[in-house]
Amino acid sequence: MFVYCSFESLVNRDRVNIGTLYRDGQGVSQDYTEAVIWFKKADAAGHKGAMESIRAVTDLSLAQGRQ
């Protein structure tokens, strides 16, 4: 089965994936600031779940006493 995906949707998904790597510290040093940067890029390009990811990182950061 072939599923059509626009290039922009792949790029947005990649931006979210990179943000997730930074949020979780997978393959890179955990960095909430960098995660938010990538999630904001995805949000600015119209990714529907990016804003929720930003909120989640902000909550994690606040829970650990970082900003």
C-alpha atoms as a PDB file:
ATOM      1  CA  MET A   1       0.000   0.000   0.000  1.00  0.00           C
ATOM      2  CA  PHE A   2       1.386   3.387  -0.995  1.00  0.00           C
ATOM      3  CA  VAL A   3       0.752   6.313   1.314  1.00  0.00           C
ATOM      4  CA  TYR A   4       1.248   9.804  -0.073  1.00  0.00           C
ATOM      5  CA  CYS A   5       3.080  12.188   2.248  1.00  0.00           C
ATOM      6  CA  SER A   6       4.111  15.705   1.347  1.00  0.00           C
ATOM      7  CA  PHE A   7       7.727  16.691   1.836  1.00  0.00           C
ATOM      8  CA  GLU A   8       6.662  19.368   4.314  1.00  0.00           C
ATOM      9  CA  SER A   9       4.833  16.850   6.498  1.00  0.00           C
ATOM     10  CA  LEU A  10       7.966  14.683   6.600  1.00  0.00           C
ATOM     11  CA  VAL A  11      10.085  17.695   7.513  1.00  0.00           C
ATOM     12  CA  ASN A  12       7.671  18.626  10.308  1.00  0.00           C
ATOM     13  CA  ARG A  13       7.678  15.090  11.643  1.00  0.00           C
ATOM     14  CA  ASP A  14      11.477  15.134  11.590  1.00  0.00           C
ATOM     15  CA  ARG A  15      11.502  18.400  13.538  1.00  0.00           C
ATOM     16  CA  VAL A  16       9.304  16.829  16.194  1.00  0.00           C
ATOM     17  CA  ASN A  17      11.477  13.707  16.230  1.00  0.00           C
ATOM     18  CA  ILE A  18      14.621  15.785  16.767  1.00  0.00           C
ATOM     19  CA  GLY A  19      12.882  17.683  19.571  1.00  0.00           C
ATOM     20  CA  THR A  20      11.919  14.377  21.145  1.00  0.00           C
ATOM     21  CA  LEU A  21      15.525  13.175  21.028  1.00  0.00           C
ATOM     22  CA  TYR A  22      16.654  16.283  22.904  1.00  0.00           C
ATOM     23  CA  ARG A  23      13.765  16.046  25.368  1.00  0.00           C
ATOM     24  CA  ASP A  24      14.586  12.427  26.199  1.00  0.00           C
ATOM     25  CA  GLY A  25      18.368  12.637  25.842  1.00  0.00           C
ATOM     26  CA  GLN A  26      18.467   9.853  23.231  1.00  0.00           C
ATOM     27  CA  GLY A  27      21.759  10.015  21.324  1.00  0.00           C
ATOM     28  CA  VAL A  28      22.309  13.601  22.481  1.00  0.00           C
ATOM     29  CA  SER A  29      22.631  15.312  25.828  1.00  0.00           C
ATOM     30  CA  GLN A  30      19.219  16.001  27.315  1.00  0.00           C
ATOM     31  CA  ASP A  31      18.432  19.638  26.605  1.00  0.00           C
ATOM     32  CA  TYR A  32      14.925  20.981  27.133  1.00  0.00           C
ATOM     33  CA  THR A  33      15.792  24.340  25.584  1.00  0.00           C
ATOM     34  CA  GLU A  34      16.957  22.690  22.367  1.00  0.00           C
ATOM     35  CA  ALA A  35      13.882  20.445  22.378  1.00  0.00           C
ATOM     36  CA  VAL A  36      11.587  23.465  22.565  1.00  0.00           C
ATOM     37  CA  ILE A  37      13.474  25.135  19.692  1.00  0.00           C
ATOM     38  CA  TRP A  38      12.758  22.136  17.446  1.00  0.00           C
ATOM     39  CA  PHE A  39       9.149  21.835  18.590  1.00  0.00           C
ATOM     40  CA  LYS A  40       8.619  25.551  17.882  1.00  0.00           C
ATOM     41  CA  LYS A  41      10.004  25.100  14.362  1.00  0.00           C
ATOM     42  CA  ALA A  42       7.484  22.320  13.779  1.00  0.00           C
ATOM     43  CA  ASP A  43       4.677  24.399  15.281  1.00  0.00           C
ATOM     44  CA  ALA A  44       5.528  27.397  13.090  1.00  0.00           C
ATOM     45  CA  ALA A  45       5.329  25.129  10.058  1.00  0.00           C
ATOM     46  CA  GLY A  46       1.893  23.870  11.093  1.00  0.00           C
ATOM     47  CA  HIS A  47       2.537  20.580  12.897  1.00  0.00           C
ATOM     48  CA  LYS A  48      -0.606  19.855  14.892  1.00  0.00           C
ATOM     49  CA  GLY A  49       1.011  18.160  17.897  1.00  0.00           C
ATOM     50  CA  ALA A  50       4.023  20.412  18.337  1.00  0.00           C
ATOM     51  CA  MET A  51       2.400  22.827  20.797  1.00  0.00           C
ATOM     52  CA  GLU A  52       1.457  19.946  23.087  1.00  0.00           C
ATOM     53  CA  SER A  53       5.083  18.797  22.993  1.00  0.00           C
ATOM     54  CA  ILE A  54       6.197  22.302  23.997  1.00  0.00           C
ATOM     55  CA  ARG A  55       3.797  22.241  26.948  1.00  0.00           C
ATOM     56  CA  ALA A  56       5.050  18.808  28.016  1.00  0.00           C
ATOM     57  CA  VAL A  57       8.692  19.927  27.938  1.00  0.00           C
ATOM     58  CA  THR A  58       7.833  23.083  29.865  1.00  0.00           C
ATOM     59  CA  ASP A  59       6.096  20.969  32.520  1.00  0.00           C
ATOM     60  CA  LEU A  60       9.088  18.608  32.735  1.00  0.00           C
ATOM     61  CA  SER A  61      11.474  21.516  32.995  1.00  0.00           C
ATOM     62  CA  LEU A  62       9.487  23.195  35.744  1.00  0.00           C
ATOM     63  CA  ALA A  63       9.131  19.913  37.634  1.00  0.00           C
ATOM     64  CA  GLN A  64      12.921  19.562  37.636  1.00  0.00           C
ATOM     65  CA  GLY A  65      13.484  23.181  38.630  1.00  0.00           C
ATOM     66  CA  ARG A  66      14.842  24.329  35.253  1.00  0.00           C
ATOM     67  CA  GLN A  67      13.681  27.007  32.857  1.00  0.00           C
END
